[in-house]
Amino acid sequence: MSLLTDTLLQRVKMLKNWKAWVSKIAKVAKELMLDAEVYVIGSVVRGDFVAGSDVDILIVSNSVPERIVGRGKIKVLIEEKLNLPYYHPFEIHLLKPEEAELYLRKAGKYVNKVA
């Protein structure tokens, strides 16, 4: 099997197990930002995802840094703590509550709040 094929198969496996991975991501997010609320939106919630889909995760907190560099550092910390591979399917969006409103409104009923 080629490296590309193996990588794609591993990514699809992670995508199929998105709920378990999102729970782990939420746990780490809440360790880093105590007031974090975590939501999943998009195709995985609707149930119409395909192999090339990603998992859109909204991490909402008043503690989210204003600057993109600070947000990037938090994303890297989450990825490192979970040892996520470079090909992982998780699109992590760090948002302040007022920024999250648009995402949540557009998602409508297809929002999964992670406990």
N, C-alpha and C. Protein backbone atom coordinates (compact mmCIF):
# COMPACT_ATOMS: atom_id res chain seq x y z
N MET A 1 0.85 -1.17 0.00
CA MET A 1 0.00 0.00 0.00
C MET A 1 0.90 1.25 0.00
N SER A 2 0.52 2.25 -0.73
CA SER A 2 1.33 3.46 -0.81
C SER A 2 1.11 4.33 0.42
N LEU A 3 2.05 5.22 0.65
CA LEU A 3 1.96 6.14 1.79
C LEU A 3 0.70 7.01 1.67
N LEU A 4 0.41 7.47 0.46
CA LEU A 4 -0.78 8.30 0.25
C LEU A 4 -2.06 7.53 0.58
N THR A 5 -2.16 6.30 0.11
CA THR A 5 -3.35 5.49 0.37
C THR A 5 -3.49 5.22 1.86
N ASP A 6 -2.39 4.89 2.52
CA ASP A 6 -2.42 4.63 3.95
C ASP A 6 -2.85 5.87 4.73
N THR A 7 -2.31 7.03 4.33
CA THR A 7 -2.66 8.29 4.98
C THR A 7 -4.15 8.59 4.82
N LEU A 8 -4.66 8.41 3.61
CA LEU A 8 -6.08 8.67 3.36
C LEU A 8 -6.97 7.72 4.17
N LEU A 9 -6.57 6.47 4.27
CA LEU A 9 -7.35 5.50 5.05
C LEU A 9 -7.36 5.87 6.54
N GLN A 10 -6.22 6.32 7.04
CA GLN A 10 -6.15 6.73 8.45
C GLN A 10 -7.03 7.96 8.70
N ARG A 11 -7.03 8.90 7.74
CA ARG A 11 -7.86 10.10 7.87
C ARG A 11 -9.34 9.73 7.89
N VAL A 12 -9.74 8.82 7.00
CA VAL A 12 -11.13 8.38 6.95
C VAL A 12 -11.51 7.68 8.25
N LYS A 13 -10.60 6.91 8.80
CA LYS A 13 -10.86 6.23 10.08
C LYS A 13 -11.12 7.27 11.19
N MET A 14 -10.31 8.33 11.20
CA MET A 14 -10.52 9.39 12.18
C MET A 14 -11.86 10.09 11.95
N LEU A 15 -12.19 10.30 10.69
CA LEU A 15 -13.46 10.95 10.35
C LEU A 15 -14.64 10.11 10.83
N LYS A 16 -14.58 8.81 10.65
CA LYS A 16 -15.67 7.94 11.09
C LYS A 16 -15.80 7.92 12.61
N ASN A 17 -14.70 8.13 13.31
CA ASN A 17 -14.70 8.15 14.77
C ASN A 17 -14.70 9.58 15.31
N TRP A 18 -15.34 10.48 14.59
CA TRP A 18 -15.27 11.90 14.93
C TRP A 18 -15.79 12.21 16.32
N LYS A 19 -16.82 11.51 16.77
CA LYS A 19 -17.39 11.83 18.09
C LYS A 19 -16.38 11.60 19.21
N ALA A 20 -15.65 10.50 19.14
CA ALA A 20 -14.65 10.22 20.16
C ALA A 20 -13.53 11.26 20.12
N TRP A 21 -13.09 11.61 18.92
CA TRP A 21 -12.03 12.61 18.78
C TRP A 21 -12.49 13.98 19.25
N VAL A 22 -13.71 14.35 18.92
CA VAL A 22 -14.22 15.66 19.34
C VAL A 22 -14.32 15.74 20.86
N SER A 23 -14.69 14.65 21.51
CA SER A 23 -14.72 14.64 22.97
C SER A 23 -13.34 14.90 23.55
N LYS A 24 -12.32 14.31 22.95
CA LYS A 24 -10.94 14.53 23.40
C LYS A 24 -10.52 15.98 23.16
N ILE A 25 -10.87 16.51 22.01
CA ILE A 25 -10.54 17.90 21.69
C ILE A 25 -11.23 18.84 22.67
N ALA A 26 -12.50 18.55 22.98
CA ALA A 26 -13.25 19.39 23.93
C ALA A 26 -12.60 19.35 25.31
N LYS A 27 -12.17 18.20 25.73
CA LYS A 27 -11.53 18.07 27.05
C LYS A 27 -10.28 18.94 27.13
N VAL A 28 -9.45 18.87 26.10
CA VAL A 28 -8.23 19.68 26.09
C VAL A 28 -8.58 21.17 26.02
N ALA A 29 -9.55 21.52 25.20
CA ALA A 29 -9.96 22.93 25.08
C ALA A 29 -10.41 23.48 26.43
N LYS A 30 -11.15 22.67 27.19
CA LYS A 30 -11.65 23.11 28.49
C LYS A 30 -10.54 23.18 29.53
N GLU A 31 -9.47 22.41 29.34
CA GLU A 31 -8.30 22.53 30.21
C GLU A 31 -7.58 23.85 29.94
N LEU A 32 -7.54 24.25 28.67
CA LEU A 32 -6.84 25.48 28.29
C LEU A 32 -7.66 26.74 28.52
N MET A 33 -8.98 26.62 28.38
CA MET A 33 -9.90 27.75 28.56
C MET A 33 -11.09 27.25 29.35
N LEU A 34 -11.12 27.54 30.62
CA LEU A 34 -12.12 26.95 31.53
C LEU A 34 -13.56 27.21 31.11
N ASP A 35 -13.82 28.33 30.45
CA ASP A 35 -15.19 28.66 30.07
C ASP A 35 -15.55 28.17 28.66
N ALA A 36 -14.71 27.34 28.07
CA ALA A 36 -14.92 26.90 26.68
C ALA A 36 -16.21 26.09 26.53
N GLU A 37 -16.93 26.41 25.46
CA GLU A 37 -18.06 25.60 25.01
C GLU A 37 -17.67 25.09 23.64
N VAL A 38 -17.98 23.83 23.37
CA VAL A 38 -17.53 23.21 22.12
C VAL A 38 -18.75 22.72 21.35
N TYR A 39 -18.76 23.06 20.07
CA TYR A 39 -19.85 22.68 19.18
C TYR A 39 -19.27 22.05 17.92
N VAL A 40 -20.04 21.15 17.33
CA VAL A 40 -19.69 20.60 16.02
C VAL A 40 -20.82 21.00 15.07
N ILE A 41 -20.45 21.47 13.90
CA ILE A 41 -21.44 21.86 12.89
C ILE A 41 -21.03 21.22 11.56
N GLY A 42 -21.91 21.28 10.60
CA GLY A 42 -21.55 20.84 9.26
C GLY A 42 -22.01 19.44 8.91
N SER A 43 -21.32 18.87 7.94
CA SER A 43 -21.76 17.62 7.32
C SER A 43 -21.79 16.43 8.27
N VAL A 44 -20.89 16.38 9.26
CA VAL A 44 -20.92 15.23 10.16
C VAL A 44 -22.18 15.25 11.04
N VAL A 45 -22.63 16.44 11.40
CA VAL A 45 -23.85 16.56 12.20
C VAL A 45 -25.07 16.25 11.34
N ARG A 46 -25.03 16.71 10.10
CA ARG A 46 -26.15 16.42 9.18
C ARG A 46 -26.18 14.95 8.77
N GLY A 47 -25.04 14.26 8.88
CA GLY A 47 -24.96 12.86 8.51
C GLY A 47 -24.71 12.64 7.03
N ASP A 48 -24.25 13.68 6.33
CA ASP A 48 -24.00 13.53 4.90
C ASP A 48 -22.53 13.75 4.53
N PHE A 49 -21.63 13.43 5.46
CA PHE A 49 -20.21 13.62 5.17
C PHE A 49 -19.69 12.53 4.24
N VAL A 50 -18.62 12.85 3.54
CA VAL A 50 -17.95 11.91 2.64
C VAL A 50 -16.48 11.82 3.06
N ALA A 51 -15.74 10.96 2.42
CA ALA A 51 -14.34 10.72 2.80
C ALA A 51 -13.50 11.99 2.82
N GLY A 52 -13.80 12.94 1.96
CA GLY A 52 -13.02 14.18 1.89
C GLY A 52 -13.52 15.29 2.80
N SER A 53 -14.54 15.01 3.60
CA SER A 53 -15.10 16.03 4.49
C SER A 53 -14.15 16.34 5.64
N ASP A 54 -14.41 17.48 6.27
CA ASP A 54 -13.71 17.78 7.51
C ASP A 54 -14.76 17.87 8.62
N VAL A 55 -14.28 17.98 9.84
CA VAL A 55 -15.16 18.11 11.00
C VAL A 55 -14.98 19.52 11.54
N ASP A 56 -16.01 20.34 11.41
CA ASP A 56 -15.94 21.73 11.86
C ASP A 56 -16.27 21.79 13.35
N ILE A 57 -15.26 22.20 14.12
CA ILE A 57 -15.38 22.29 15.57
C ILE A 57 -15.27 23.76 15.97
N LEU A 58 -16.28 24.23 16.67
CA LEU A 58 -16.26 25.60 17.19
C LEU A 58 -15.91 25.53 18.67
N ILE A 59 -14.84 26.19 19.05
CA ILE A 59 -14.49 26.31 20.46
C ILE A 59 -14.74 27.78 20.81
N VAL A 60 -15.73 27.97 21.67
CA VAL A 60 -16.21 29.32 21.99
C VAL A 60 -15.83 29.64 23.43
N SER A 61 -15.14 30.77 23.59
CA SER A 61 -14.70 31.16 24.92
C SER A 61 -14.40 32.65 24.96
N ASN A 62 -14.65 33.26 26.10
CA ASN A 62 -14.23 34.64 26.30
C ASN A 62 -12.72 34.75 26.39
N SER A 63 -12.06 33.63 26.62
CA SER A 63 -10.60 33.60 26.76
C SER A 63 -9.86 33.48 25.42
N VAL A 64 -10.59 33.37 24.33
CA VAL A 64 -9.94 33.27 23.02
C VAL A 64 -9.18 34.57 22.75
N PRO A 65 -7.91 34.45 22.38
CA PRO A 65 -7.12 35.66 22.10
C PRO A 65 -7.71 36.46 20.94
N GLU A 66 -7.50 37.76 20.98
CA GLU A 66 -7.97 38.63 19.91
C GLU A 66 -7.20 38.37 18.61
N ARG A 67 -5.90 38.20 18.74
CA ARG A 67 -5.03 38.08 17.56
C ARG A 67 -4.98 36.65 17.05
N ILE A 68 -4.86 36.53 15.74
CA ILE A 68 -4.84 35.23 15.09
C ILE A 68 -3.63 34.38 15.52
N VAL A 69 -2.52 35.03 15.83
CA VAL A 69 -1.33 34.31 16.27
C VAL A 69 -1.61 33.58 17.58
N GLY A 70 -2.28 34.24 18.49
CA GLY A 70 -2.64 33.62 19.76
C GLY A 70 -3.59 32.45 19.57
N ARG A 71 -4.52 32.62 18.66
CA ARG A 71 -5.46 31.54 18.37
C ARG A 71 -4.72 30.35 17.75
N GLY A 72 -3.78 30.65 16.87
CA GLY A 72 -2.99 29.58 16.25
C GLY A 72 -2.21 28.79 17.28
N LYS A 73 -1.68 29.47 18.27
CA LYS A 73 -0.91 28.80 19.32
C LYS A 73 -1.80 27.83 20.11
N ILE A 74 -3.03 28.23 20.37
CA ILE A 74 -3.96 27.34 21.09
C ILE A 74 -4.29 26.12 20.24
N LYS A 75 -4.52 26.33 18.95
CA LYS A 75 -4.80 25.19 18.06
C LYS A 75 -3.63 24.21 18.06
N VAL A 76 -2.43 24.74 17.99
CA VAL A 76 -1.23 23.89 18.00
C VAL A 76 -1.14 23.12 19.32
N LEU A 77 -1.42 23.78 20.43
CA LEU A 77 -1.40 23.10 21.73
C LEU A 77 -2.38 21.94 21.77
N ILE A 78 -3.58 22.17 21.25
CA ILE A 78 -4.59 21.10 21.21
C ILE A 78 -4.09 19.94 20.36
N GLU A 79 -3.57 20.24 19.18
CA GLU A 79 -3.07 19.19 18.28
C GLU A 79 -1.91 18.43 18.92
N GLU A 80 -1.01 19.14 19.58
CA GLU A 80 0.14 18.49 20.21
C GLU A 80 -0.28 17.63 21.39
N LYS A 81 -1.17 18.13 22.23
CA LYS A 81 -1.61 17.37 23.41
C LYS A 81 -2.29 16.06 23.00
N LEU A 82 -2.96 16.07 21.85
CA LEU A 82 -3.66 14.87 21.37
C LEU A 82 -2.84 14.08 20.36
N ASN A 83 -1.64 14.58 20.05
CA ASN A 83 -0.78 13.92 19.08
C ASN A 83 -1.52 13.69 17.74
N LEU A 84 -2.25 14.72 17.32
CA LEU A 84 -2.99 14.62 16.06
C LEU A 84 -2.01 14.63 14.88
N PRO A 85 -2.19 13.74 13.93
CA PRO A 85 -1.31 13.73 12.76
C PRO A 85 -1.63 14.89 11.83
N TYR A 86 -0.70 15.20 10.96
CA TYR A 86 -0.87 16.34 10.04
C TYR A 86 -2.09 16.19 9.15
N TYR A 87 -2.55 15.00 8.92
CA TYR A 87 -3.67 14.76 8.00
C TYR A 87 -5.03 14.70 8.71
N HIS A 88 -5.09 15.07 9.98
CA HIS A 88 -6.36 14.95 10.71
C HIS A 88 -7.46 15.78 10.03
N PRO A 89 -8.71 15.33 10.18
CA PRO A 89 -9.83 16.00 9.51
C PRO A 89 -10.52 17.10 10.31
N PHE A 90 -9.91 17.56 11.40
CA PHE A 90 -10.58 18.49 12.29
C PHE A 90 -10.23 19.93 11.98
N GLU A 91 -11.25 20.70 11.67
CA GLU A 91 -11.10 22.13 11.40
C GLU A 91 -11.54 22.85 12.67
N ILE A 92 -10.57 23.32 13.43
CA ILE A 92 -10.84 23.93 14.73
C ILE A 92 -10.96 25.44 14.56
N HIS A 93 -12.10 25.96 14.99
CA HIS A 93 -12.36 27.40 14.93
C HIS A 93 -12.43 27.92 16.36
N LEU A 94 -11.52 28.78 16.73
CA LEU A 94 -11.54 29.41 18.06
C LEU A 94 -12.24 30.75 17.94
N LEU A 95 -13.32 30.90 18.69
CA LEU A 95 -14.17 32.08 18.54
C LEU A 95 -14.60 32.65 19.87
N LYS A 96 -14.73 33.96 19.89
CA LYS A 96 -15.38 34.62 21.02
C LYS A 96 -16.89 34.40 20.84
N PRO A 97 -17.67 34.50 21.92
CA PRO A 97 -19.11 34.24 21.81
C PRO A 97 -19.81 35.06 20.72
N GLU A 98 -19.47 36.33 20.60
CA GLU A 98 -20.12 37.16 19.58
C GLU A 98 -19.74 36.73 18.16
N GLU A 99 -18.56 36.17 18.00
CA GLU A 99 -18.13 35.67 16.68
C GLU A 99 -18.83 34.36 16.33
N ALA A 100 -19.13 33.57 17.34
CA ALA A 100 -19.74 32.26 17.12
C ALA A 100 -21.20 32.36 16.70
N GLU A 101 -21.86 33.46 17.03
CA GLU A 101 -23.29 33.61 16.74
C GLU A 101 -23.62 33.34 15.28
N LEU A 102 -22.84 33.88 14.36
CA LEU A 102 -23.10 33.71 12.93
C LEU A 102 -22.99 32.24 12.53
N TYR A 103 -21.92 31.57 12.97
CA TYR A 103 -21.73 30.16 12.66
C TYR A 103 -22.91 29.33 13.16
N LEU A 104 -23.30 29.56 14.39
CA LEU A 104 -24.38 28.77 14.99
C LEU A 104 -25.72 29.06 14.34
N ARG A 105 -25.95 30.32 14.00
CA ARG A 105 -27.20 30.68 13.32
C ARG A 105 -27.28 30.01 11.94
N LYS A 106 -26.17 30.06 11.20
CA LYS A 106 -26.14 29.45 9.86
C LYS A 106 -26.31 27.93 9.94
N ALA A 107 -25.79 27.31 11.00
CA ALA A 107 -25.88 25.85 11.14
C ALA A 107 -27.31 25.42 11.47
N GLY A 108 -28.08 26.33 12.04
CA GLY A 108 -29.47 26.03 12.36
C GLY A 108 -29.60 24.86 13.32
N LYS A 109 -30.40 23.88 12.94
CA LYS A 109 -30.64 22.74 13.82
C LYS A 109 -29.50 21.73 13.79
N TYR A 110 -28.55 21.92 12.88
CA TYR A 110 -27.46 20.98 12.75
C TYR A 110 -26.25 21.41 13.57
N VAL A 111 -26.46 21.47 14.87
CA VAL A 111 -25.42 21.85 15.82
C VAL A 111 -25.38 20.76 16.89
N ASN A 112 -24.20 20.28 17.18
CA ASN A 112 -24.03 19.28 18.22
C ASN A 112 -23.15 19.90 19.31
N LYS A 113 -23.75 20.20 20.46
CA LYS A 113 -22.96 20.74 21.57
C LYS A 113 -22.30 19.57 22.29
N VAL A 114 -21.00 19.71 22.51
CA VAL A 114 -20.23 18.65 23.15
C VAL A 114 -20.20 18.90 24.64
N ALA A 115 -20.55 17.87 25.41
CA ALA A 115 -20.60 18.01 26.88
C ALA A 115 -19.21 18.07 27.48
